[in-house]
Amino acid sequence: MKYIYTAPDCTKCEFLKKKYKTEGIQFVERSADRIKQPEDKVDQEALIQASMQNMELPVEVEM
């Protein structure tokens, strides 16, 4: 499953969501706020990914 972490008014996030929908890629959207206090393993992986990309959104995780 593919997860994407997004924030409101994030142009890059909207572009990625539109691209996935156009290409028929299924994903689960999560709030980027979850990265600050991870609730599960997916959030923990998102924190790692976000730190590797200088906390820029969107963050993609595939589990």
PDB file of N, CA and C in Angstrom:
ATOM      1  N   MET A   1       0.847  -1.182   0.000  1.00  0.00           N
ATOM      2  CA  MET A   1       0.000   0.000   0.000  1.00  0.00           C
ATOM      3  C   MET A   1       0.886   1.236   0.000  1.00  0.00           C
ATOM      4  N   LYS A   2       0.457   2.237  -0.733  1.00  0.00           N
ATOM      5  CA  LYS A   2       1.195   3.495  -0.825  1.00  0.00           C
ATOM      6  C   LYS A   2       0.484   4.533   0.042  1.00  0.00           C
ATOM      7  N   TYR A   3       1.270   5.224   0.865  1.00  0.00           N
ATOM      8  CA  TYR A   3       0.768   6.287   1.717  1.00  0.00           C
ATOM      9  C   TYR A   3       1.433   7.585   1.303  1.00  0.00           C
ATOM     10  N   ILE A   4       0.664   8.663   1.304  1.00  0.00           N
ATOM     11  CA  ILE A   4       1.272   9.966   1.074  1.00  0.00           C
ATOM     12  C   ILE A   4       0.843  10.904   2.198  1.00  0.00           C
ATOM     13  N   TYR A   5       1.806  11.640   2.696  1.00  0.00           N
ATOM     14  CA  TYR A   5       1.582  12.596   3.774  1.00  0.00           C
ATOM     15  C   TYR A   5       1.546  13.980   3.147  1.00  0.00           C
ATOM     16  N   THR A   6       0.449  14.683   3.384  1.00  0.00           N
ATOM     17  CA  THR A   6       0.224  15.966   2.732  1.00  0.00           C
ATOM     18  C   THR A   6      -0.189  17.022   3.749  1.00  0.00           C
ATOM     19  N   ALA A   7      -0.193  18.261   3.278  1.00  0.00           N
ATOM     20  CA  ALA A   7      -0.660  19.385   4.083  1.00  0.00           C
ATOM     21  C   ALA A   7      -1.593  20.240   3.230  1.00  0.00           C
ATOM     22  N   PRO A   8      -2.507  20.965   3.886  1.00  0.00           N
ATOM     23  CA  PRO A   8      -3.397  21.855   3.133  1.00  0.00           C
ATOM     24  C   PRO A   8      -2.589  22.918   2.385  1.00  0.00           C
ATOM     25  N   ASP A   9      -3.074  23.306   1.247  1.00  0.00           N
ATOM     26  CA  ASP A   9      -2.451  24.357   0.429  1.00  0.00           C
ATOM     27  C   ASP A   9      -1.036  24.009  -0.022  1.00  0.00           C
ATOM     28  N   CYS A  10      -0.741  22.734  -0.145  1.00  0.00           N
ATOM     29  CA  CYS A  10       0.576  22.276  -0.625  1.00  0.00           C
ATOM     30  C   CYS A  10       0.446  21.950  -2.121  1.00  0.00           C
ATOM     31  N   THR A  11       1.043  22.777  -2.943  1.00  0.00           N
ATOM     32  CA  THR A  11       0.934  22.609  -4.394  1.00  0.00           C
ATOM     33  C   THR A  11       1.526  21.284  -4.855  1.00  0.00           C
ATOM     34  N   LYS A  12       2.672  20.919  -4.316  1.00  0.00           N
ATOM     35  CA  LYS A  12       3.315  19.649  -4.692  1.00  0.00           C
ATOM     36  C   LYS A  12       2.448  18.465  -4.281  1.00  0.00           C
ATOM     37  N   CYS A  13       1.803  18.586  -3.128  1.00  0.00           N
ATOM     38  CA  CYS A  13       0.928  17.509  -2.646  1.00  0.00           C
ATOM     39  C   CYS A  13      -0.260  17.327  -3.586  1.00  0.00           C
ATOM     40  N   GLU A  14      -0.878  18.425  -3.973  1.00  0.00           N
ATOM     41  CA  GLU A  14      -2.031  18.360  -4.872  1.00  0.00           C
ATOM     42  C   GLU A  14      -1.631  17.770  -6.221  1.00  0.00           C
ATOM     43  N   PHE A  15      -0.458  18.162  -6.716  1.00  0.00           N
ATOM     44  CA  PHE A  15       0.034  17.630  -7.987  1.00  0.00           C
ATOM     45  C   PHE A  15       0.217  16.116  -7.910  1.00  0.00           C
ATOM     46  N   LEU A  16       0.835  15.635  -6.813  1.00  0.00           N
ATOM     47  CA  LEU A  16       1.071  14.201  -6.670  1.00  0.00           C
ATOM     48  C   LEU A  16      -0.237  13.432  -6.569  1.00  0.00           C
ATOM     49  N   LYS A  17      -1.191  13.948  -5.791  1.00  0.00           N
ATOM     50  CA  LYS A  17      -2.487  13.270  -5.671  1.00  0.00           C
ATOM     51  C   LYS A  17      -3.192  13.197  -7.027  1.00  0.00           C
ATOM     52  N   LYS A  18      -3.160  14.291  -7.770  1.00  0.00           N
ATOM     53  CA  LYS A  18      -3.790  14.307  -9.094  1.00  0.00           C
ATOM     54  C   LYS A  18      -3.110  13.309 -10.022  1.00  0.00           C
ATOM     55  N   LYS A  19      -1.791  13.257  -9.977  1.00  0.00           N
ATOM     56  CA  LYS A  19      -1.026  12.322 -10.813  1.00  0.00           C
ATOM     57  C   LYS A  19      -1.408  10.880 -10.485  1.00  0.00           C
ATOM     58  N   TYR A  20      -1.442  10.546  -9.214  1.00  0.00           N
ATOM     59  CA  TYR A  20      -1.793   9.182  -8.808  1.00  0.00           C
ATOM     60  C   TYR A  20      -3.210   8.826  -9.264  1.00  0.00           C
ATOM     61  N   LYS A  21      -4.137   9.753  -9.093  1.00  0.00           N
ATOM     62  CA  LYS A  21      -5.522   9.482  -9.503  1.00  0.00           C
ATOM     63  C   LYS A  21      -5.607   9.271 -11.007  1.00  0.00           C
ATOM     64  N   THR A  22      -4.898  10.096 -11.772  1.00  0.00           N
ATOM     65  CA  THR A  22      -4.885   9.980 -13.229  1.00  0.00           C
ATOM     66  C   THR A  22      -4.304   8.643 -13.673  1.00  0.00           C
ATOM     67  N   GLU A  23      -3.246   8.198 -12.977  1.00  0.00           N
ATOM     68  CA  GLU A  23      -2.574   6.944 -13.335  1.00  0.00           C
ATOM     69  C   GLU A  23      -3.223   5.720 -12.698  1.00  0.00           C
ATOM     70  N   GLY A  24      -4.269   5.933 -11.905  1.00  0.00           N
ATOM     71  CA  GLY A  24      -4.961   4.819 -11.278  1.00  0.00           C
ATOM     72  C   GLY A  24      -4.186   4.181 -10.134  1.00  0.00           C
ATOM     73  N   ILE A  25      -3.272   4.928  -9.535  1.00  0.00           N
ATOM     74  CA  ILE A  25      -2.483   4.420  -8.413  1.00  0.00           C
ATOM     75  C   ILE A  25      -3.274   4.639  -7.127  1.00  0.00           C
ATOM     76  N   GLN A  26      -3.517   3.560  -6.411  1.00  0.00           N
ATOM     77  CA  GLN A  26      -4.253   3.665  -5.161  1.00  0.00           C
ATOM     78  C   GLN A  26      -3.309   4.130  -4.055  1.00  0.00           C
ATOM     79  N   PHE A  27      -3.822   5.003  -3.198  1.00  0.00           N
ATOM     80  CA  PHE A  27      -3.012   5.518  -2.100  1.00  0.00           C
ATOM     81  C   PHE A  27      -3.907   5.892  -0.934  1.00  0.00           C
ATOM     82  N   VAL A  28      -3.290   5.995   0.221  1.00  0.00           N
ATOM     83  CA  VAL A  28      -3.966   6.473   1.413  1.00  0.00           C
ATOM     84  C   VAL A  28      -3.325   7.808   1.757  1.00  0.00           C
ATOM     85  N   GLU A  29      -4.145   8.824   1.887  1.00  0.00           N
ATOM     86  CA  GLU A  29      -3.627  10.150   2.235  1.00  0.00           C
ATOM     87  C   GLU A  29      -3.662  10.315   3.745  1.00  0.00           C
ATOM     88  N   ARG A  30      -2.572  10.816   4.288  1.00  0.00           N
ATOM     89  CA  ARG A  30      -2.486  11.084   5.723  1.00  0.00           C
ATOM     90  C   ARG A  30      -1.998  12.508   5.931  1.00  0.00           C
ATOM     91  N   SER A  31      -2.399  13.072   7.045  1.00  0.00           N
ATOM     92  CA  SER A  31      -1.981  14.423   7.388  1.00  0.00           C
ATOM     93  C   SER A  31      -0.498  14.427   7.755  1.00  0.00           C
ATOM     94  N   ALA A  32       0.212  15.425   7.280  1.00  0.00           N
ATOM     95  CA  ALA A  32       1.627  15.561   7.606  1.00  0.00           C
ATOM     96  C   ALA A  32       1.838  15.773   9.107  1.00  0.00           C
ATOM     97  N   ASP A  33       0.813  16.205   9.815  1.00  0.00           N
ATOM     98  CA  ASP A  33       0.924  16.383  11.265  1.00  0.00           C
ATOM     99  C   ASP A  33       1.253  15.069  11.977  1.00  0.00           C
ATOM    100  N   ARG A  34       0.879  13.955  11.379  1.00  0.00           N
ATOM    101  CA  ARG A  34       1.161  12.644  11.994  1.00  0.00           C
ATOM    102  C   ARG A  34       2.655  12.354  12.054  1.00  0.00           C
ATOM    103  N   ILE A  35       3.428  13.003  11.200  1.00  0.00           N
ATOM    104  CA  ILE A  35       4.874  12.777  11.189  1.00  0.00           C
ATOM    105  C   ILE A  35       5.501  13.297  12.484  1.00  0.00           C
ATOM    106  N   LYS A  36       4.916  14.342  13.045  1.00  0.00           N
ATOM    107  CA  LYS A  36       5.462  14.952  14.261  1.00  0.00           C
ATOM    108  C   LYS A  36       5.362  14.028  15.464  1.00  0.00           C
ATOM    109  N   GLN A  37       4.284  13.258  15.529  1.00  0.00           N
ATOM    110  CA  GLN A  37       4.077  12.300  16.616  1.00  0.00           C
ATOM    111  C   GLN A  37       3.572  10.995  16.014  1.00  0.00           C
ATOM    112  N   PRO A  38       4.507  10.166  15.536  1.00  0.00           N
ATOM    113  CA  PRO A  38       4.130   8.925  14.847  1.00  0.00           C
ATOM    114  C   PRO A  38       3.228   8.037  15.699  1.00  0.00           C
ATOM    115  N   GLU A  39       2.169   7.534  15.046  1.00  0.00           N
ATOM    116  CA  GLU A  39       1.208   6.667  15.726  1.00  0.00           C
ATOM    117  C   GLU A  39       1.403   5.195  15.379  1.00  0.00           C
ATOM    118  N   ASP A  40       2.074   4.923  14.263  1.00  0.00           N
ATOM    119  CA  ASP A  40       2.273   3.532  13.857  1.00  0.00           C
ATOM    120  C   ASP A  40       3.560   3.426  13.028  1.00  0.00           C
ATOM    121  N   LYS A  41       3.818   2.218  12.520  1.00  0.00           N
ATOM    122  CA  LYS A  41       5.060   1.984  11.763  1.00  0.00           C
ATOM    123  C   LYS A  41       5.116   2.790  10.472  1.00  0.00           C
ATOM    124  N   VAL A  42       3.980   3.007   9.848  1.00  0.00           N
ATOM    125  CA  VAL A  42       3.948   3.797   8.615  1.00  0.00           C
ATOM    126  C   VAL A  42       4.367   5.237   8.925  1.00  0.00           C
ATOM    127  N   ASP A  43       3.836   5.783  10.014  1.00  0.00           N
ATOM    128  CA  ASP A  43       4.208   7.139  10.415  1.00  0.00           C
ATOM    129  C   ASP A  43       5.697   7.217  10.749  1.00  0.00           C
ATOM    130  N   GLN A  44       6.220   6.193  11.393  1.00  0.00           N
ATOM    131  CA  GLN A  44       7.647   6.175  11.726  1.00  0.00           C
ATOM    132  C   GLN A  44       8.499   6.187  10.462  1.00  0.00           C
ATOM    133  N   GLU A  45       8.097   5.411   9.468  1.00  0.00           N
ATOM    134  CA  GLU A  45       8.816   5.394   8.193  1.00  0.00           C
ATOM    135  C   GLU A  45       8.697   6.748   7.499  1.00  0.00           C
ATOM    136  N   ALA A  46       7.535   7.375   7.611  1.00  0.00           N
ATOM    137  CA  ALA A  46       7.338   8.701   7.023  1.00  0.00           C
ATOM    138  C   ALA A  46       8.275   9.721   7.667  1.00  0.00           C
ATOM    139  N   LEU A  47       8.478   9.608   8.965  1.00  0.00           N
ATOM    140  CA  LEU A  47       9.402  10.505   9.659  1.00  0.00           C
ATOM    141  C   LEU A  47      10.814  10.347   9.115  1.00  0.00           C
ATOM    142  N   ILE A  48      11.221   9.111   8.886  1.00  0.00           N
ATOM    143  CA  ILE A  48      12.552   8.845   8.325  1.00  0.00           C
ATOM    144  C   ILE A  48      12.652   9.444   6.924  1.00  0.00           C
ATOM    145  N   GLN A  49      11.636   9.188   6.090  1.00  0.00           N
ATOM    146  CA  GLN A  49      11.631   9.721   4.724  1.00  0.00           C
ATOM    147  C   GLN A  49      11.657  11.255   4.734  1.00  0.00           C
ATOM    148  N   ALA A  50      10.849  11.847   5.601  1.00  0.00           N
ATOM    149  CA  ALA A  50      10.777  13.307   5.673  1.00  0.00           C
ATOM    150  C   ALA A  50      12.124  13.901   6.082  1.00  0.00           C
ATOM    151  N   SER A  51      12.795  13.252   7.021  1.00  0.00           N
ATOM    152  CA  SER A  51      14.094  13.773   7.453  1.00  0.00           C
ATOM    153  C   SER A  51      15.136  13.660   6.346  1.00  0.00           C
ATOM    154  N   MET A  52      15.007  12.655   5.493  1.00  0.00           N
ATOM    155  CA  MET A  52      15.947  12.484   4.379  1.00  0.00           C
ATOM    156  C   MET A  52      15.687  13.496   3.265  1.00  0.00           C
ATOM    157  N   GLN A  53      14.487  14.065   3.220  1.00  0.00           N
ATOM    158  CA  GLN A  53      14.193  15.051   2.184  1.00  0.00           C
ATOM    159  C   GLN A  53      13.961  16.435   2.794  1.00  0.00           C
ATOM    160  N   ASN A  54      14.684  16.698   3.888  1.00  0.00           N
ATOM    161  CA  ASN A  54      14.650  18.018   4.538  1.00  0.00           C
ATOM    162  C   ASN A  54      13.248  18.472   4.919  1.00  0.00           C
ATOM    163  N   MET A  55      12.423  17.514   5.322  1.00  0.00           N
ATOM    164  CA  MET A  55      11.067  17.759   5.802  1.00  0.00           C
ATOM    165  C   MET A  55      10.160  18.408   4.754  1.00  0.00           C
ATOM    166  N   GLU A  56      10.468  18.209   3.472  1.00  0.00           N
ATOM    167  CA  GLU A  56       9.610  18.735   2.418  1.00  0.00           C
ATOM    168  C   GLU A  56       8.483  17.761   2.126  1.00  0.00           C
ATOM    169  N   LEU A  57       7.335  18.327   1.812  1.00  0.00           N
ATOM    170  CA  LEU A  57       6.168  17.526   1.464  1.00  0.00           C
ATOM    171  C   LEU A  57       5.993  17.503  -0.046  1.00  0.00           C
ATOM    172  N   PRO A  58       5.324  16.509  -0.564  1.00  0.00           N
ATOM    173  CA  PRO A  58       4.719  15.376   0.124  1.00  0.00           C
ATOM    174  C   PRO A  58       5.766  14.316   0.477  1.00  0.00           C
ATOM    175  N   VAL A  59       5.400  13.471   1.423  1.00  0.00           N
ATOM    176  CA  VAL A  59       6.233  12.339   1.809  1.00  0.00           C
ATOM    177  C   VAL A  59       5.501  11.085   1.357  1.00  0.00           C
ATOM    178  N   GLU A  60       6.226  10.207   0.664  1.00  0.00           N
ATOM    179  CA  GLU A  60       5.643   8.964   0.179  1.00  0.00           C
ATOM    180  C   GLU A  60       6.239   7.777   0.923  1.00  0.00           C
ATOM    181  N   VAL A  61       5.374   6.860   1.323  1.00  0.00           N
ATOM    182  CA  VAL A  61       5.820   5.627   1.992  1.00  0.00           C
ATOM    183  C   VAL A  61       5.093   4.470   1.349  1.00  0.00           C
ATOM    184  N   GLU A  62       5.817   3.430   1.054  1.00  0.00           N
ATOM    185  CA  GLU A  62       5.197   2.230   0.503  1.00  0.00           C
ATOM    186  C   GLU A  62       5.439   1.091   1.478  1.00  0.00           C
ATOM    187  N   MET A  63       4.362   0.500   1.950  1.00  0.00           N
ATOM    188  CA  MET A  63       4.457  -0.591   2.939  1.00  0.00           C
ATOM    189  C   MET A  63       3.676  -1.784   2.430  1.00  0.00           C
TER     190      MET A  63
END
